[in-house]
Amino acid sequence: MEGAAGRGARGRRGARSGASRGRGAARGAARASSRGRGVRGSPDRAVTRGAQQRDGAAARRGCPAQGAPVPRSPPACTAAGGGEVPPAPRSRAAAARAPAAQRRVAVPDGAVAAPAAARVLPPAAGPLRLREVVSRLTLPRQDVSDAADVVNQVVSQLIQAIRSADGSFSSIERLGAGSYYEHVKITEPNEFDIMLVMPVARLQLDESDDTGAFYYLTFKRNPKEKYLLKFLDEDGKLSAFKMLEALRGIIKREVKNITRNIENVEVTVKRRKSGSPAITLQIKKPPAEISVDIILTLKLQQSWPPSTQNGLKVEQWLGRKVRQKLRYESVYLVAKQNKKEKVLRGNTWRLSFSHIEKTMLNNHGSSKTCCESGGPKCSRKSCLKLLKYLVEQLKMKHPKELDKICSYHVKTAFFHSCVVWPNDTDWTWGDLDHCFQNYLEYFLGCLEKYQLPHFFIPQYNLLSLEDKASCDFLSRQINQQWNNRFPIFQEMS
């Protein structure tokens, strides 16, 4: 990885003049876009000069050129061996920074191919710039610190009570998960995810359906955790429902003590949502209201299930050794009901990779110094924040139509995009508009094909045909935002 960074540095030194020409071409394309030439959704208009250059580059690679009519999901060029070639760099300098051997990237099994960059991104959000939008999405440090202090007080007291109240949960450990701990939280620090992890020595995993994500758990002979035997159902399976109900009972009793012990804080347990793996706390400390999801998690010291074998394809992004190291991590399972069960008994568990996702997001560069102090800054997390905000705001405006869409879809598409464009030079901070365009194109392709493979379990499609209406609606809304220069970003206060 250090060698790749060195080659990138030499490429930058050798292509400064090309970079200036590339920036001039990019500005020209942006001006052409504002005049209405080559704008997405206008196939009868002339193609921009940038699009013609991409067609020429595609022809030289032996791929079909993109004509003036822009298809909704442009076909990607196929490299030798079946891999997909991402869109051509927007400048010669970018081309010099990315060695040819690294620009040909294999798309993960079942993933949507990287779309050719046929659409021209309008000047971001009209008078705003995407960098300004990102800065507004960044949470104030003091607000984050205050919210985290309150959550830590409540959760610490809660864990002590859980450990002492019932021997079944005496071994739980705390693990922060989700966007706050991944440093991609946006708008307000008002939602936290806390995993209560229980180590378990040996369990037999049996798939409950064909997704490879949901499992029935049974103990092998002579289990060490005999205190968990009371949570078995009539078939001898470890019941997620029974364990969640027992944990919920302890938490509901303890929140009354927490309210008495912590000054000016009121804690309540929200009503249980059907099929949800979380026990949700509502913490009120005026003027703040904070939601904390407590997620019961089993930690198994055993190999990952076969359904994960072809997932986590990060070799070209993070490296082969990193993938090997991550796959040595424990198996995590959360108490999640499988809605596809013929008889809903609440005894299924779903694989969780929250701990791996946090590691990847906090160590996201192909080079070790990416986004470190003194190192080059990339746009990966900024792109993720932008799309998260866009989808969140659309969900708030259209909750019924987008009830099947969640932030995990956005995050999964982000991981796939990092594989399609694996180099730090593909995500330069100075090229934020273009990077966001690539990522947004990829996400739109997933919606239009109803195909978004789980990043760790490729056979598990997160966008099934049952979600078709929500996918179509979101695709239309995003295209409308795009063609109108993202009014949602302009609405930010």
Protein backbone atom coordinates (compact mmCIF):
# COMPACT_ATOMS: atom_id res chain seq x y z
CA MET A 1 0.00 0.00 0.00
CA GLU A 2 2.93 2.34 0.73
CA GLY A 3 4.27 1.59 -2.78
CA ALA A 4 0.96 2.62 -4.30
CA ALA A 5 1.08 5.88 -2.37
CA GLY A 6 4.60 6.51 -3.69
CA ARG A 7 3.52 5.92 -7.27
CA GLY A 8 0.60 8.30 -6.71
CA ALA A 9 2.99 11.00 -5.45
CA ARG A 10 5.24 10.61 -8.52
CA GLY A 11 2.14 10.75 -10.74
CA ARG A 12 1.08 14.04 -9.15
CA ARG A 13 4.51 15.61 -9.64
CA GLY A 14 4.61 14.49 -13.27
CA ALA A 15 1.13 15.69 -14.16
CA ARG A 16 0.76 19.19 -12.73
CA SER A 17 0.29 20.79 -16.11
CA GLY A 18 -2.26 18.11 -17.00
CA ALA A 19 -4.05 18.79 -13.70
CA SER A 20 -4.47 22.46 -14.53
CA ARG A 21 -5.84 21.53 -17.94
CA GLY A 22 -8.17 18.99 -16.31
CA ARG A 23 -9.52 21.60 -13.88
CA GLY A 24 -10.13 23.99 -16.75
CA ALA A 25 -12.00 21.28 -18.66
CA ALA A 26 -14.05 20.52 -15.55
CA ARG A 27 -15.00 24.20 -15.14
CA GLY A 28 -15.95 24.34 -18.80
CA ALA A 29 -18.15 21.28 -18.43
CA ALA A 30 -19.83 22.84 -15.37
CA ARG A 31 -20.54 26.04 -17.31
CA ALA A 32 -21.93 24.01 -20.21
CA SER A 33 -24.15 22.17 -17.74
CA SER A 34 -25.55 25.41 -16.33
CA ARG A 35 -26.41 26.50 -19.90
CA GLY A 36 -28.41 23.34 -20.40
CA ARG A 37 -26.04 21.34 -22.61
CA GLY A 38 -25.76 17.67 -21.85
CA VAL A 39 -27.94 17.89 -18.75
CA ARG A 40 -29.28 14.57 -17.57
CA GLY A 41 -32.80 13.99 -18.81
CA SER A 42 -32.31 15.94 -22.07
CA PRO A 43 -31.22 13.25 -24.59
CA ASP A 44 -32.04 15.41 -27.60
CA ARG A 45 -29.41 17.97 -26.72
CA ALA A 46 -25.78 17.99 -27.69
CA VAL A 47 -23.36 15.94 -25.64
CA THR A 48 -20.84 17.95 -23.63
CA ARG A 49 -17.21 17.99 -24.58
CA GLY A 50 -16.44 15.99 -21.42
CA ALA A 51 -18.86 13.27 -22.49
CA GLN A 52 -17.23 13.12 -25.92
CA GLN A 53 -13.84 12.70 -24.27
CA ARG A 54 -15.21 9.86 -22.16
CA ASP A 55 -16.62 8.22 -25.30
CA GLY A 56 -13.20 8.40 -26.90
CA ALA A 57 -11.61 6.90 -23.80
CA ALA A 58 -14.22 4.15 -23.79
CA ALA A 59 -13.60 3.38 -27.45
CA ARG A 60 -9.87 3.11 -26.84
CA ARG A 61 -10.60 0.56 -24.12
CA GLY A 62 -12.76 -1.39 -26.54
CA CYS A 63 -16.01 -0.42 -24.78
CA PRO A 64 -19.14 0.95 -26.45
CA ALA A 65 -19.32 4.72 -26.61
CA GLN A 66 -22.08 6.56 -24.82
CA GLY A 67 -24.16 8.44 -27.36
CA ALA A 68 -26.25 11.51 -26.82
CA PRO A 69 -29.30 9.55 -25.53
CA VAL A 70 -28.39 8.78 -21.92
CA PRO A 71 -29.90 5.51 -20.65
CA ARG A 72 -31.18 5.42 -17.07
CA SER A 73 -28.58 2.84 -16.13
CA PRO A 74 -25.62 3.17 -18.50
CA PRO A 75 -23.78 -0.11 -19.08
CA ALA A 76 -20.33 -0.29 -17.57
CA CYS A 77 -17.32 -1.23 -19.64
CA THR A 78 -16.07 -4.71 -18.94
CA ALA A 79 -12.40 -5.32 -18.34
CA ALA A 80 -10.51 -8.48 -19.17
CA GLY A 81 -11.51 -11.26 -16.84
CA GLY A 82 -15.01 -9.95 -16.22
CA GLY A 83 -14.09 -7.01 -13.96
CA GLU A 84 -15.68 -3.60 -14.29
CA VAL A 85 -13.87 -0.43 -15.25
CA PRO A 86 -15.00 2.61 -13.25
CA PRO A 87 -15.64 5.92 -14.99
CA ALA A 88 -12.62 7.53 -16.61
CA PRO A 89 -10.84 10.06 -14.36
CA ARG A 90 -12.05 13.59 -14.95
CA SER A 91 -8.56 14.91 -15.71
CA ARG A 92 -5.23 13.75 -17.03
CA ALA A 93 -3.73 14.35 -13.62
CA ALA A 94 -6.24 11.95 -12.10
CA ALA A 95 -5.36 9.40 -14.76
CA ALA A 96 -1.68 9.77 -13.95
CA ARG A 97 -2.36 9.30 -10.24
CA ALA A 98 -4.15 5.99 -10.77
CA PRO A 99 -1.89 3.27 -12.25
CA ALA A 100 -3.58 1.35 -15.07
CA ALA A 101 -3.31 -1.95 -13.22
CA GLN A 102 -5.26 -0.49 -10.31
CA ARG A 103 -7.98 1.21 -12.37
CA ARG A 104 -9.45 -2.11 -13.44
CA VAL A 105 -11.46 -3.18 -10.46
CA ALA A 106 -13.41 -6.39 -9.97
CA VAL A 107 -16.96 -5.72 -8.84
CA PRO A 108 -18.09 -7.89 -5.87
CA ASP A 109 -20.22 -10.91 -6.69
CA GLY A 110 -23.75 -9.82 -7.48
CA ALA A 111 -22.97 -6.12 -7.04
CA VAL A 112 -24.24 -3.52 -9.46
CA ALA A 113 -21.56 -2.54 -11.97
CA ALA A 114 -20.03 0.89 -11.68
CA PRO A 115 -22.05 3.14 -13.99
CA ALA A 116 -20.25 5.17 -16.61
CA ALA A 117 -20.30 8.82 -15.57
CA ALA A 118 -22.68 9.98 -18.32
CA ARG A 119 -24.55 12.50 -16.16
CA VAL A 120 -23.09 15.92 -15.58
CA LEU A 121 -23.36 17.01 -11.98
CA PRO A 122 -24.72 20.57 -11.84
CA PRO A 123 -22.89 23.10 -9.68
CA ALA A 124 -23.54 21.62 -6.26
CA ALA A 125 -26.72 22.85 -4.60
CA GLY A 126 -26.94 26.05 -6.61
CA PRO A 127 -25.22 28.85 -4.66
CA LEU A 128 -23.92 26.37 -2.12
CA ARG A 129 -20.89 24.16 -2.53
CA LEU A 130 -20.77 20.57 -1.37
CA ARG A 131 -17.92 21.43 0.96
CA GLU A 132 -20.14 23.99 2.66
CA VAL A 133 -22.91 21.40 2.97
CA VAL A 134 -20.48 18.94 4.56
CA SER A 135 -19.30 21.56 7.03
CA ARG A 136 -22.90 22.18 8.07
CA LEU A 137 -23.41 18.45 8.60
CA THR A 138 -20.42 18.30 10.96
CA LEU A 139 -21.58 18.16 14.58
CA PRO A 140 -20.31 20.80 17.03
CA ARG A 141 -17.79 19.19 19.37
CA GLN A 142 -19.38 20.58 22.52
CA ASP A 143 -22.82 19.24 21.58
CA VAL A 144 -21.33 15.81 20.89
CA SER A 145 -19.39 15.84 24.16
CA ASP A 146 -22.44 16.83 26.21
CA ALA A 147 -24.64 14.16 24.64
CA ALA A 148 -21.96 11.47 25.02
CA ASP A 149 -21.49 12.33 28.72
CA VAL A 150 -25.19 11.83 29.42
CA VAL A 151 -25.32 8.55 27.48
CA ASN A 152 -22.21 7.23 29.24
CA GLN A 153 -23.66 7.98 32.68
CA VAL A 154 -26.91 6.21 31.91
CA VAL A 155 -25.41 3.19 30.14
CA SER A 156 -22.68 2.64 32.75
CA GLN A 157 -25.20 2.52 35.58
CA LEU A 158 -27.47 0.32 33.48
CA ILE A 159 -24.72 -2.22 32.74
CA GLN A 160 -23.81 -2.52 36.41
CA ALA A 161 -27.44 -3.25 37.25
CA ILE A 162 -27.81 -5.81 34.45
CA ARG A 163 -24.68 -7.69 35.50
CA SER A 164 -25.79 -7.97 39.11
CA ALA A 165 -29.53 -8.50 38.60
CA ASP A 166 -29.41 -11.80 36.73
CA GLY A 167 -26.56 -14.30 36.42
CA SER A 168 -27.57 -14.89 32.81
CA PHE A 169 -26.21 -11.48 31.80
CA SER A 170 -23.24 -11.17 34.17
CA SER A 171 -20.70 -11.46 31.33
CA ILE A 172 -21.99 -8.66 29.10
CA GLU A 173 -19.54 -6.18 27.61
CA ARG A 174 -20.27 -2.80 26.09
CA LEU A 175 -19.48 -2.01 22.45
CA GLY A 176 -20.35 1.27 20.73
CA ALA A 177 -21.66 0.84 17.20
CA GLY A 178 -23.42 2.84 14.52
CA SER A 179 -22.83 6.25 12.94
CA TYR A 180 -21.73 8.11 16.08
CA TYR A 181 -18.87 5.72 16.75
CA GLU A 182 -18.06 5.54 13.03
CA HIS A 183 -17.76 9.36 12.99
CA VAL A 184 -20.37 9.77 10.25
CA LYS A 185 -23.23 11.04 12.42
CA ILE A 186 -25.02 14.03 10.92
CA THR A 187 -27.43 16.81 11.98
CA GLU A 188 -27.67 16.16 15.77
CA PRO A 189 -25.96 13.88 18.34
CA ASN A 190 -29.33 12.51 19.42
CA GLU A 191 -29.09 8.82 18.48
CA PHE A 192 -26.66 6.24 19.84
CA ASP A 193 -26.33 2.47 19.36
CA ILE A 194 -24.90 0.40 22.21
CA MET A 195 -24.29 -3.32 21.75
CA LEU A 196 -24.40 -5.43 24.92
CA VAL A 197 -22.11 -8.28 23.92
CA MET A 198 -22.29 -11.71 25.57
CA PRO A 199 -19.36 -14.07 24.88
CA VAL A 200 -20.49 -17.64 24.14
CA ALA A 201 -18.01 -20.48 23.61
CA ARG A 202 -19.70 -22.88 21.21
CA LEU A 203 -22.97 -22.80 19.30
CA GLN A 204 -24.32 -24.66 16.30
CA LEU A 205 -25.54 -22.30 13.55
CA ASP A 206 -28.30 -23.51 11.22
CA GLU A 207 -29.59 -21.23 8.45
CA SER A 208 -33.24 -20.31 8.80
CA ASP A 209 -33.66 -19.28 5.13
CA ASP A 210 -31.70 -18.83 1.90
CA THR A 211 -30.30 -15.36 2.68
CA GLY A 212 -27.37 -16.70 4.71
CA ALA A 213 -27.98 -13.95 7.27
CA PHE A 214 -30.47 -15.50 9.73
CA TYR A 215 -29.74 -18.50 11.94
CA TYR A 216 -31.17 -20.83 14.57
CA LEU A 217 -28.76 -21.41 17.43
CA THR A 218 -28.40 -24.59 19.45
CA PHE A 219 -25.84 -25.53 22.08
CA LYS A 220 -23.32 -28.23 21.41
CA ARG A 221 -22.74 -30.94 23.99
CA ASN A 222 -21.90 -29.87 27.54
CA PRO A 223 -22.22 -26.11 27.12
CA LYS A 224 -20.27 -23.90 29.49
CA GLU A 225 -23.08 -21.36 29.60
CA LYS A 226 -25.63 -23.49 31.47
CA TYR A 227 -27.26 -20.30 32.76
CA LEU A 228 -28.58 -19.76 29.24
CA LEU A 229 -30.40 -23.09 29.06
CA LYS A 230 -33.53 -21.48 30.50
CA PHE A 231 -33.82 -19.45 27.28
CA LEU A 232 -34.20 -22.51 25.05
CA ASP A 233 -37.50 -23.01 23.25
CA GLU A 234 -39.41 -26.28 22.94
CA ASP A 235 -37.18 -27.35 20.05
CA GLY A 236 -33.97 -26.73 21.98
CA LYS A 237 -33.12 -23.53 20.07
CA LEU A 238 -31.81 -20.46 21.87
CA SER A 239 -34.73 -18.05 21.79
CA ALA A 240 -33.89 -14.46 20.97
CA PHE A 241 -37.36 -13.42 22.09
CA LYS A 242 -36.98 -14.94 25.58
CA MET A 243 -33.58 -13.35 26.10
CA LEU A 244 -34.76 -9.93 24.92
CA GLU A 245 -37.80 -10.03 27.20
CA ALA A 246 -35.65 -10.93 30.22
CA LEU A 247 -33.21 -8.11 29.44
CA ARG A 248 -36.03 -5.65 28.84
CA GLY A 249 -37.51 -6.47 32.26
CA ILE A 250 -34.22 -5.71 34.02
CA ILE A 251 -33.77 -2.45 32.11
CA LYS A 252 -37.32 -1.25 32.81
CA ARG A 253 -36.79 -1.75 36.55
CA GLU A 254 -33.42 -0.04 36.56
CA VAL A 255 -34.35 3.13 34.63
CA LYS A 256 -36.41 4.24 37.63
CA ASN A 257 -33.27 4.20 39.77
CA ILE A 258 -31.29 6.00 37.08
CA THR A 259 -33.82 8.83 37.02
CA ARG A 260 -33.43 9.19 40.79
CA ASN A 261 -29.64 8.97 40.80
CA ILE A 262 -28.69 11.25 37.89
CA GLU A 263 -29.68 14.88 38.36
CA ASN A 264 -32.01 16.49 35.83
CA VAL A 265 -32.22 13.32 33.72
CA GLU A 266 -35.36 11.33 32.92
CA VAL A 267 -35.04 7.89 31.33
CA THR A 268 -37.86 5.80 29.91
CA VAL A 269 -38.07 2.61 27.84
CA LYS A 270 -39.94 3.03 24.58
CA ARG A 271 -42.58 0.55 23.50
CA ARG A 272 -41.19 -2.55 21.83
CA LYS A 273 -41.26 -2.53 18.03
CA SER A 274 -42.25 -5.81 16.45
CA GLY A 275 -39.20 -7.61 15.09
CA SER A 276 -36.73 -4.98 16.28
CA PRO A 277 -33.46 -6.21 17.85
CA ALA A 278 -33.19 -3.07 19.99
CA ILE A 279 -34.45 -2.00 23.40
CA THR A 280 -34.76 1.76 22.97
CA LEU A 281 -34.16 4.21 25.81
CA GLN A 282 -35.44 7.79 25.68
CA ILE A 283 -33.19 10.10 27.68
CA LYS A 284 -34.42 13.61 28.45
CA LYS A 285 -32.03 16.21 29.77
CA PRO A 286 -33.52 19.58 28.82
CA PRO A 287 -33.26 20.86 26.22
CA ALA A 288 -31.86 17.63 24.71
CA GLU A 289 -33.70 14.40 23.95
CA ILE A 290 -31.51 11.42 23.12
CA SER A 291 -32.48 7.99 21.82
CA VAL A 292 -30.27 5.03 22.73
CA ASP A 293 -30.74 1.62 21.13
CA ILE A 294 -29.57 -1.22 23.39
CA ILE A 295 -28.83 -4.25 21.18
CA LEU A 296 -28.34 -7.73 22.66
CA THR A 297 -25.45 -9.39 20.84
CA LEU A 298 -23.83 -12.82 21.07
CA LYS A 299 -20.09 -13.08 20.42
CA LEU A 300 -18.94 -16.48 19.15
CA GLN A 301 -15.30 -17.53 19.04
CA GLN A 302 -15.62 -19.57 15.86
CA SER A 303 -15.24 -19.28 12.10
CA TRP A 304 -17.56 -17.15 10.01
CA PRO A 305 -20.39 -19.09 8.33
CA PRO A 306 -19.98 -20.29 4.69
CA SER A 307 -22.42 -17.62 3.42
CA THR A 308 -19.74 -14.99 4.12
CA GLN A 309 -16.99 -16.70 2.13
CA ASN A 310 -17.28 -14.49 -0.96
CA GLY A 311 -18.04 -11.27 0.90
CA LEU A 312 -15.78 -8.52 2.24
CA LYS A 313 -13.97 -8.12 -1.08
CA VAL A 314 -11.59 -5.42 0.12
CA GLU A 315 -8.31 -6.80 -1.25
CA GLN A 316 -7.77 -3.98 -3.77
CA TRP A 317 -9.14 -1.34 -1.39
CA LEU A 318 -7.74 -2.17 2.06
CA GLY A 319 -5.47 -5.06 1.15
CA ARG A 320 -5.40 -8.83 1.35
CA LYS A 321 -3.86 -8.89 4.83
CA VAL A 322 -6.54 -6.58 6.20
CA ARG A 323 -9.29 -8.84 4.85
CA GLN A 324 -7.65 -11.87 6.42
CA LYS A 325 -7.31 -10.08 9.75
CA LEU A 326 -10.95 -8.93 9.74
CA ARG A 327 -12.19 -12.44 9.00
CA TYR A 328 -10.39 -13.67 12.11
CA GLU A 329 -12.69 -11.47 14.20
CA SER A 330 -15.43 -13.15 16.23
CA VAL A 331 -18.88 -13.93 14.85
CA TYR A 332 -21.51 -11.49 16.15
CA LEU A 333 -25.23 -12.27 16.16
CA VAL A 334 -28.07 -9.95 17.16
CA ALA A 335 -31.52 -10.94 18.34
CA LYS A 336 -33.43 -10.21 15.15
CA GLN A 337 -36.66 -11.84 14.02
CA ASN A 338 -36.66 -13.26 10.50
CA LYS A 339 -39.90 -12.14 8.89
CA LYS A 340 -39.61 -14.88 6.25
CA GLU A 341 -40.15 -17.63 8.82
CA LYS A 342 -43.27 -19.66 8.15
CA VAL A 343 -44.09 -19.57 11.86
CA LEU A 344 -42.83 -16.43 13.64
CA ARG A 345 -41.43 -17.70 16.92
CA GLY A 346 -38.85 -15.02 17.60
CA ASN A 347 -36.01 -17.52 17.93
CA THR A 348 -33.83 -16.38 15.02
CA TRP A 349 -30.55 -14.47 15.16
CA ARG A 350 -29.00 -12.34 12.44
CA LEU A 351 -25.31 -11.98 11.66
CA SER A 352 -23.95 -8.55 12.59
CA PHE A 353 -20.79 -6.91 11.25
CA SER A 354 -21.08 -3.62 13.11
CA HIS A 355 -17.66 -4.07 14.67
CA ILE A 356 -16.08 -4.72 11.25
CA GLU A 357 -17.89 -1.78 9.64
CA LYS A 358 -16.65 0.56 12.35
CA THR A 359 -13.08 -0.63 11.76
CA MET A 360 -13.35 -0.11 7.99
CA LEU A 361 -14.85 3.36 8.28
CA ASN A 362 -12.28 4.50 10.81
CA ASN A 363 -9.41 3.05 8.74
CA HIS A 364 -10.82 3.69 5.30
CA GLY A 365 -7.79 4.64 3.21
CA SER A 366 -5.87 2.46 0.81
CA SER A 367 -2.82 4.22 2.26
CA LYS A 368 -2.19 4.19 5.99
CA THR A 369 -1.99 7.98 6.27
CA CYS A 370 -5.33 8.81 4.62
CA CYS A 371 -7.13 11.52 6.66
CA GLU A 372 -4.57 11.29 9.45
CA SER A 373 -2.95 14.38 10.92
CA GLY A 374 -0.56 15.64 8.29
CA GLY A 375 -1.75 13.07 5.75
CA PRO A 376 -3.86 13.60 2.62
CA LYS A 377 -7.59 14.11 3.17
CA CYS A 378 -10.08 12.08 1.17
CA SER A 379 -13.79 12.63 0.51
CA ARG A 380 -15.11 9.16 1.41
CA LYS A 381 -16.85 10.01 4.67
CA SER A 382 -18.04 13.35 3.33
CA CYS A 383 -19.75 11.59 0.40
CA LEU A 384 -21.38 9.16 2.83
CA LYS A 385 -22.65 12.01 4.99
CA LEU A 386 -24.08 13.83 1.99
CA LEU A 387 -26.06 10.84 0.72
CA LYS A 388 -27.19 9.92 4.23
CA TYR A 389 -28.55 13.41 4.71
CA LEU A 390 -30.24 13.44 1.31
CA VAL A 391 -32.00 10.12 1.96
CA GLU A 392 -32.89 11.02 5.56
CA GLN A 393 -34.55 14.26 4.48
CA LEU A 394 -36.45 12.52 1.69
CA LYS A 395 -37.66 9.90 4.19
CA MET A 396 -38.89 12.68 6.48
CA LYS A 397 -40.81 14.26 3.60
CA HIS A 398 -42.19 10.92 2.32
CA PRO A 399 -42.25 8.47 5.26
CA LYS A 400 -44.90 6.17 3.79
CA GLU A 401 -43.40 5.90 0.31
CA LEU A 402 -39.86 5.30 1.63
CA ASP A 403 -40.61 3.04 4.57
CA LYS A 404 -38.53 0.22 3.02
CA ILE A 405 -35.40 2.36 2.71
CA CYS A 406 -32.93 2.73 5.58
CA SER A 407 -29.49 4.20 6.21
CA TYR A 408 -27.93 0.73 5.99
CA HIS A 409 -28.72 0.70 2.27
CA VAL A 410 -26.72 3.92 1.90
CA LYS A 411 -23.82 2.52 3.93
CA THR A 412 -23.74 -0.77 2.01
CA ALA A 413 -23.65 1.06 -1.33
CA PHE A 414 -20.82 3.16 0.09
CA PHE A 415 -18.72 0.07 0.90
CA HIS A 416 -19.29 -1.31 -2.60
CA SER A 417 -18.28 2.07 -4.07
CA CYS A 418 -15.04 1.97 -2.07
CA VAL A 419 -14.30 -1.38 -3.73
CA VAL A 420 -15.16 -0.14 -7.22
CA TRP A 421 -12.97 2.94 -6.68
CA PRO A 422 -10.34 1.56 -4.29
CA ASN A 423 -7.58 4.18 -4.43
CA ASP A 424 -7.26 7.30 -2.31
CA THR A 425 -6.72 9.20 -5.58
CA ASP A 426 -10.28 8.18 -6.56
CA TRP A 427 -11.62 10.10 -3.53
CA THR A 428 -9.54 13.27 -3.36
CA TRP A 429 -11.03 16.00 -1.20
CA GLY A 430 -10.51 18.60 -3.94
CA ASP A 431 -12.65 16.47 -6.27
CA LEU A 432 -15.60 16.12 -3.88
CA ASP A 433 -18.27 16.94 -6.51
CA HIS A 434 -17.04 14.24 -8.88
CA CYS A 435 -16.62 11.67 -6.08
CA PHE A 436 -20.14 12.30 -4.83
CA GLN A 437 -21.43 11.97 -8.40
CA ASN A 438 -19.79 8.54 -8.77
CA TYR A 439 -21.21 7.32 -5.46
CA LEU A 440 -24.67 8.71 -6.22
CA GLU A 441 -24.64 7.09 -9.66
CA TYR A 442 -23.77 3.76 -8.09
CA PHE A 443 -26.59 4.04 -5.54
CA LEU A 444 -29.10 4.98 -8.26
CA GLY A 445 -28.01 1.93 -10.26
CA CYS A 446 -28.77 -0.28 -7.25
CA LEU A 447 -32.22 1.26 -6.85
CA GLU A 448 -33.04 0.94 -10.53
CA LYS A 449 -32.03 -2.74 -10.61
CA TYR A 450 -33.45 -3.56 -7.14
CA GLN A 451 -30.08 -5.15 -6.48
CA LEU A 452 -27.88 -4.31 -3.48
CA PRO A 453 -25.92 -7.32 -2.18
CA HIS A 454 -25.03 -7.37 1.50
CA PHE A 455 -21.36 -6.42 1.68
CA PHE A 456 -20.46 -9.45 3.83
CA ILE A 457 -23.11 -11.90 2.57
CA PRO A 458 -23.29 -11.49 -1.23
CA GLN A 459 -26.23 -13.87 -1.69
CA TYR A 460 -28.37 -11.64 0.54
CA ASN A 461 -29.99 -8.91 -1.57
CA LEU A 462 -30.98 -5.95 0.61
CA LEU A 463 -33.32 -4.59 -2.10
CA SER A 464 -35.78 -7.30 -3.04
CA LEU A 465 -38.70 -6.97 -5.44
CA GLU A 466 -40.89 -6.41 -2.38
CA ASP A 467 -39.12 -3.06 -2.02
CA LYS A 468 -39.76 -2.13 -5.68
CA ALA A 469 -42.18 0.73 -4.96
CA SER A 470 -39.86 2.38 -2.45
CA CYS A 471 -36.85 1.95 -4.76
CA ASP A 472 -38.67 3.50 -7.72
CA PHE A 473 -39.96 6.39 -5.62
CA LEU A 474 -36.53 7.14 -4.13
CA SER A 475 -34.88 6.96 -7.55
CA ARG A 476 -37.35 9.51 -8.93
CA GLN A 477 -36.87 11.80 -5.94
CA ILE A 478 -33.08 11.70 -6.17
CA ASN A 479 -33.18 12.40 -9.93
CA GLN A 480 -35.50 15.32 -9.28
CA GLN A 481 -33.10 16.66 -6.65
CA TRP A 482 -30.19 16.20 -9.02
CA ASN A 483 -31.84 17.99 -11.94
CA ASN A 484 -32.82 20.90 -9.66
CA ARG A 485 -29.38 21.24 -8.06
CA PHE A 486 -30.33 19.57 -4.76
CA PRO A 487 -32.81 21.97 -3.15
CA ILE A 488 -32.68 19.85 0.02
CA PHE A 489 -29.08 20.98 0.53
CA GLN A 490 -30.15 24.58 -0.01
CA GLU A 491 -32.90 24.23 2.60
CA MET A 492 -30.37 23.56 5.34
CA SER A 493 -30.66 26.16 8.09
